[in-house]
């Protein structure tokens, strides 16, 4: 259960960003229910606020994840991820990662110098400061979600094509790759919603059956709204469904309402 909860909360905060119109704005809020079979294992929320960095207004995205019910007794998760990123370029200025996962804790902030392509990571738990070099236009784990939702090529992808970006996480830069699978109408609690289907490429091993074990459904409209994540695990499968939302920047396309 430990690995299952961590994987679900992590990949809820890393999904998709179209510049005309913007896929999101200040006030957007999502809540996801994470379930393993019929059991609700936890919830995750994502919210967009406004803040000031370098004397300019920026987006402040906040992602939280936590276990509930019996899952909390087996393995307690209380995670907080934040990102401050530019409203025009999408480049991050700062990230916050404060987590408690079954007693495993981290309390970090990262500060991006996009001109010098460096990231200063302040580790408050271990009282250390480290500077890392990074590629141009690198993203943090939360800003990745919003950057990809506004990516100009999302709607132009053909089946089998991918988008790849550089993402900084756990003191290293990795290539986050998103493969377009196709389109389908998804039955949700809100109704039948036209969706685009993606598969983030993940590392196979003890948790995932294979590299393409994660599948993500996003609304095929200007919001690029994340509706479902499904993970095929080494034992069983896990789903995360959008439970509620508010503050969408664009009309939500629903074919058949419930």
Protein backbone atom coordinates (compact mmCIF):
# COMPACT_ATOMS: atom_id res chain seq x y z
CA UNK A 1 0.00 0.00 0.00
CA UNK A 2 2.93 2.36 0.75
CA UNK A 3 4.21 2.39 -2.81
CA UNK A 4 0.69 2.53 -4.26
CA UNK A 5 -0.23 5.71 -2.36
CA UNK A 6 3.04 7.48 -3.16
CA UNK A 7 2.78 6.69 -6.88
CA UNK A 8 -0.82 7.92 -7.07
CA UNK A 9 -0.14 11.22 -5.34
CA UNK A 10 3.03 11.82 -7.34
CA UNK A 11 1.47 11.28 -10.74
CA UNK A 12 -1.60 13.33 -9.91
CA UNK A 13 0.74 16.28 -9.68
CA UNK A 14 2.41 15.56 -12.95
CA UNK A 15 0.11 15.52 -15.95
CA UNK A 16 -0.30 18.30 -18.80
CA UNK A 17 -0.20 23.00 -20.41
CA UNK A 18 -2.20 25.85 -24.94
CA UNK A 19 -1.42 29.41 -25.16
CA UNK A 20 -4.59 30.55 -26.93
CA UNK A 21 -6.70 30.45 -24.90
CA UNK A 22 -4.96 29.63 -21.64
CA UNK A 23 -5.99 26.29 -20.17
CA UNK A 24 -6.16 27.67 -16.62
CA UNK A 25 -6.18 30.82 -14.49
CA UNK A 26 -6.15 32.00 -10.89
CA UNK A 27 -8.99 30.37 -8.96
CA UNK A 28 -8.85 26.94 -10.61
CA UNK A 29 -9.23 24.10 -8.08
CA UNK A 30 -9.36 20.30 -8.44
CA UNK A 31 -10.01 17.49 -6.00
CA UNK A 32 -9.21 13.86 -6.86
CA UNK A 33 -10.28 10.65 -5.16
CA UNK A 34 -7.66 7.91 -5.14
CA UNK A 35 -9.06 4.41 -4.92
CA UNK A 36 -7.62 0.91 -4.91
CA UNK A 37 -10.46 -1.34 -5.98
CA UNK A 38 -13.51 -0.25 -3.96
CA UNK A 39 -11.39 1.28 -1.20
CA UNK A 40 -10.83 5.05 -1.05
CA UNK A 41 -7.12 5.34 -0.24
CA UNK A 42 -6.84 9.13 -0.17
CA UNK A 43 -7.42 12.46 -1.86
CA UNK A 44 -5.33 15.02 -3.72
CA UNK A 45 -6.05 18.67 -4.51
CA UNK A 46 -4.55 21.19 -6.94
CA UNK A 47 -5.17 24.93 -6.70
CA UNK A 48 -3.96 28.00 -8.62
CA UNK A 49 -3.46 31.23 -6.67
CA UNK A 50 -1.57 34.46 -7.38
CA UNK A 51 1.65 35.66 -5.73
CA UNK A 52 4.43 38.18 -6.31
CA UNK A 53 7.99 37.22 -7.26
CA UNK A 54 10.66 39.60 -8.53
CA UNK A 55 8.14 42.46 -8.33
CA UNK A 56 5.72 40.79 -10.74
CA UNK A 57 2.52 38.80 -10.42
CA UNK A 58 3.03 35.06 -10.88
CA UNK A 59 1.00 31.87 -10.61
CA UNK A 60 1.23 30.04 -7.29
CA UNK A 61 0.13 26.41 -7.68
CA UNK A 62 -0.43 24.28 -4.60
CA UNK A 63 -0.77 20.50 -4.63
CA UNK A 64 -1.73 18.51 -1.54
CA UNK A 65 -2.15 14.77 -1.05
CA UNK A 66 -3.27 12.78 1.98
CA UNK A 67 -4.49 9.35 2.97
CA UNK A 68 -7.85 8.73 4.65
CA UNK A 69 -9.69 6.03 6.59
CA UNK A 70 -7.97 2.68 7.05
CA UNK A 71 -5.24 3.65 4.58
CA UNK A 72 -4.10 6.35 7.00
CA UNK A 73 -3.61 3.72 9.70
CA UNK A 74 -1.55 1.47 7.44
CA UNK A 75 0.48 4.24 5.83
CA UNK A 76 -0.06 7.92 6.54
CA UNK A 77 0.63 10.41 3.75
CA UNK A 78 0.57 14.18 4.17
CA UNK A 79 2.25 15.87 1.19
CA UNK A 80 2.51 19.50 0.15
CA UNK A 81 3.95 20.54 -3.23
CA UNK A 82 4.01 24.15 -4.43
CA UNK A 83 5.34 26.02 -7.44
CA UNK A 84 5.67 29.69 -8.34
CA UNK A 85 5.91 30.16 -12.11
CA UNK A 86 5.74 32.94 -14.70
CA UNK A 87 2.31 33.79 -16.13
CA UNK A 88 3.68 34.27 -19.66
CA UNK A 89 6.60 31.86 -20.10
CA UNK A 90 5.57 29.19 -17.61
CA UNK A 91 9.12 29.09 -16.23
CA UNK A 92 9.30 28.32 -12.50
CA UNK A 93 10.84 30.71 -9.97
CA UNK A 94 10.56 28.53 -6.87
CA UNK A 95 9.20 25.21 -5.65
CA UNK A 96 8.28 23.87 -2.22
CA UNK A 97 8.29 20.20 -1.25
CA UNK A 98 7.18 19.36 2.28
CA UNK A 99 6.17 15.73 2.67
CA UNK A 100 5.50 13.07 5.27
CA UNK A 101 5.05 9.59 3.83
CA UNK A 102 4.90 6.96 6.53
CA UNK A 103 7.55 8.76 8.54
CA UNK A 104 9.74 9.54 5.53
CA UNK A 105 9.95 13.32 5.50
CA UNK A 106 11.38 16.07 3.33
CA UNK A 107 11.30 19.83 3.74
CA UNK A 108 12.86 21.60 0.76
CA UNK A 109 12.65 24.72 -1.35
CA UNK A 110 14.22 25.17 -4.76
CA UNK A 111 15.07 28.53 -6.34
CA UNK A 112 15.50 28.73 -10.13
CA UNK A 113 17.95 31.04 -11.87
CA UNK A 114 16.71 30.67 -15.43
CA UNK A 115 19.41 33.03 -16.78
CA UNK A 116 22.26 30.93 -15.38
CA UNK A 117 20.40 27.59 -15.68
CA UNK A 118 20.95 26.73 -12.02
CA UNK A 119 18.72 25.64 -9.12
CA UNK A 120 19.55 26.37 -5.48
CA UNK A 121 17.99 23.70 -3.26
CA UNK A 122 17.60 24.53 0.44
CA UNK A 123 17.10 21.40 2.54
CA UNK A 124 15.69 22.56 5.89
CA UNK A 125 15.59 19.06 7.39
CA UNK A 126 19.32 18.47 6.85
CA UNK A 127 20.32 22.16 6.99
CA UNK A 128 22.09 22.07 3.62
CA UNK A 129 22.21 24.27 0.51
CA UNK A 130 23.18 22.80 -2.86
CA UNK A 131 23.28 24.34 -6.34
CA UNK A 132 22.53 22.18 -9.37
CA UNK A 133 22.99 22.91 -13.06
CA UNK A 134 19.94 22.33 -15.24
CA UNK A 135 18.94 22.57 -18.92
CA UNK A 136 17.24 25.66 -20.28
CA UNK A 137 13.47 25.82 -19.60
CA UNK A 138 13.58 23.13 -16.91
CA UNK A 139 10.37 22.63 -14.92
CA UNK A 140 9.62 21.44 -11.39
CA UNK A 141 7.15 18.64 -10.73
CA UNK A 142 4.10 20.90 -10.22
CA UNK A 143 4.88 23.48 -12.92
CA UNK A 144 5.20 20.56 -15.37
CA UNK A 145 1.48 19.90 -15.03
CA UNK A 146 0.54 23.46 -15.97
CA UNK A 147 3.25 23.92 -18.59
CA UNK A 148 2.12 20.88 -20.54
CA UNK A 149 -1.56 21.84 -20.41
CA UNK A 150 -0.60 25.00 -22.33
CA UNK A 151 1.90 23.29 -24.61
CA UNK A 152 1.21 24.39 -28.22
CA UNK A 153 1.68 20.87 -29.60
CA UNK A 154 -0.77 19.00 -27.36
CA UNK A 155 -3.69 19.31 -29.80
CA UNK A 156 -1.46 18.58 -32.82
CA UNK A 157 -0.14 15.20 -31.70
CA UNK A 158 -0.82 12.12 -33.77
CA UNK A 159 -1.34 8.72 -32.19
CA UNK A 160 2.01 7.36 -31.02
CA UNK A 161 3.75 10.76 -30.91
CA UNK A 162 5.20 12.19 -27.69
CA UNK A 163 6.09 15.44 -25.94
CA UNK A 164 9.25 15.48 -23.82
CA UNK A 165 10.39 18.14 -21.35
CA UNK A 166 13.12 18.43 -18.70
CA UNK A 167 11.86 18.13 -15.12
CA UNK A 168 13.87 18.68 -11.92
CA UNK A 169 12.93 16.35 -9.07
CA UNK A 170 14.86 14.77 -6.19
CA UNK A 171 18.03 16.74 -6.94
CA UNK A 172 18.28 15.66 -10.56
CA UNK A 173 16.89 16.51 -13.99
CA UNK A 174 15.02 13.79 -15.84
CA UNK A 175 13.29 13.69 -19.22
CA UNK A 176 9.54 13.55 -18.67
CA UNK A 177 7.94 12.00 -21.75
CA UNK A 178 4.22 11.95 -22.56
CA UNK A 179 2.89 9.66 -25.29
CA UNK A 180 -0.45 10.35 -27.04
CA UNK A 181 -2.60 7.21 -27.26
CA UNK A 182 -5.82 8.50 -28.85
CA UNK A 183 -9.28 9.86 -28.07
CA UNK A 184 -12.41 8.40 -26.49
CA UNK A 185 -15.56 9.42 -24.63
CA UNK A 186 -15.11 8.83 -20.91
CA UNK A 187 -17.97 8.12 -18.50
CA UNK A 188 -17.44 10.35 -15.43
CA UNK A 189 -19.55 11.53 -12.47
CA UNK A 190 -20.15 14.74 -14.45
CA UNK A 191 -21.34 12.94 -17.59
CA UNK A 192 -19.80 11.64 -20.81
CA UNK A 193 -16.72 13.72 -21.62
CA UNK A 194 -14.63 13.68 -24.85
CA UNK A 195 -11.06 12.93 -23.77
CA UNK A 196 -7.49 12.73 -25.00
CA UNK A 197 -5.53 9.76 -23.64
CA UNK A 198 -1.85 9.93 -22.70
CA UNK A 199 0.71 7.59 -21.21
CA UNK A 200 3.63 9.02 -19.23
CA UNK A 201 6.67 6.78 -19.63
CA UNK A 202 7.62 5.36 -16.22
CA UNK A 203 10.32 3.02 -14.97
CA UNK A 204 9.28 -0.63 -14.90
CA UNK A 205 10.15 -2.75 -11.90
CA UNK A 206 8.67 -3.62 -8.53
CA UNK A 207 5.78 -1.15 -8.70
CA UNK A 208 4.78 -0.97 -12.37
CA UNK A 209 4.31 -3.91 -14.69
CA UNK A 210 5.98 -2.13 -17.58
CA UNK A 211 7.17 1.28 -18.81
CA UNK A 212 3.71 2.29 -20.08
CA UNK A 213 1.67 1.20 -17.05
CA UNK A 214 0.17 4.66 -16.41
CA UNK A 215 -2.75 6.00 -18.45
CA UNK A 216 -4.11 9.56 -18.11
CA UNK A 217 -7.39 10.95 -19.49
CA UNK A 218 -7.73 14.74 -20.01
CA UNK A 219 -10.71 16.64 -21.38
CA UNK A 220 -10.51 17.31 -25.13
CA UNK A 221 -11.35 21.00 -24.75
CA UNK A 222 -9.50 24.21 -23.91
CA UNK A 223 -9.22 23.32 -20.21
CA UNK A 224 -7.20 20.10 -20.68
CA UNK A 225 -8.87 19.00 -17.46
CA UNK A 226 -7.36 15.86 -15.84
CA UNK A 227 -10.24 13.43 -15.31
CA UNK A 228 -8.71 10.04 -14.58
CA UNK A 229 -5.40 8.33 -13.93
CA UNK A 230 -5.13 4.56 -14.02
CA UNK A 231 -2.05 2.61 -12.99
CA UNK A 232 -1.43 -1.07 -13.69
CA UNK A 233 0.67 -2.19 -10.75
CA UNK A 234 2.71 -5.29 -10.06
CA UNK A 235 -0.25 -6.37 -7.90
CA UNK A 236 -3.67 -5.06 -8.95
CA UNK A 237 -4.48 -1.61 -10.29
CA UNK A 238 -5.19 1.85 -8.95
CA UNK A 239 -7.39 4.72 -10.16
CA UNK A 240 -7.64 8.41 -9.36
CA UNK A 241 -10.81 10.21 -10.51
CA UNK A 242 -11.67 13.89 -10.52
CA UNK A 243 -14.14 14.31 -7.68
CA UNK A 244 -14.91 18.05 -7.89
CA UNK A 245 -13.63 21.28 -9.44
CA UNK A 246 -14.22 25.02 -9.67
CA UNK A 247 -12.80 28.10 -11.35
CA UNK A 248 -12.25 26.68 -14.84
CA UNK A 249 -10.87 29.18 -17.36
CA UNK A 250 -12.97 27.82 -20.23
CA UNK A 251 -16.31 26.05 -20.83
CA UNK A 252 -16.26 22.36 -19.86
CA UNK A 253 -17.33 20.15 -22.78
CA UNK A 254 -19.75 17.40 -21.73
CA UNK A 255 -21.58 15.34 -24.37
CA UNK A 256 -24.18 13.81 -22.06
CA UNK A 257 -24.73 15.33 -18.61
CA UNK A 258 -25.71 13.29 -15.56
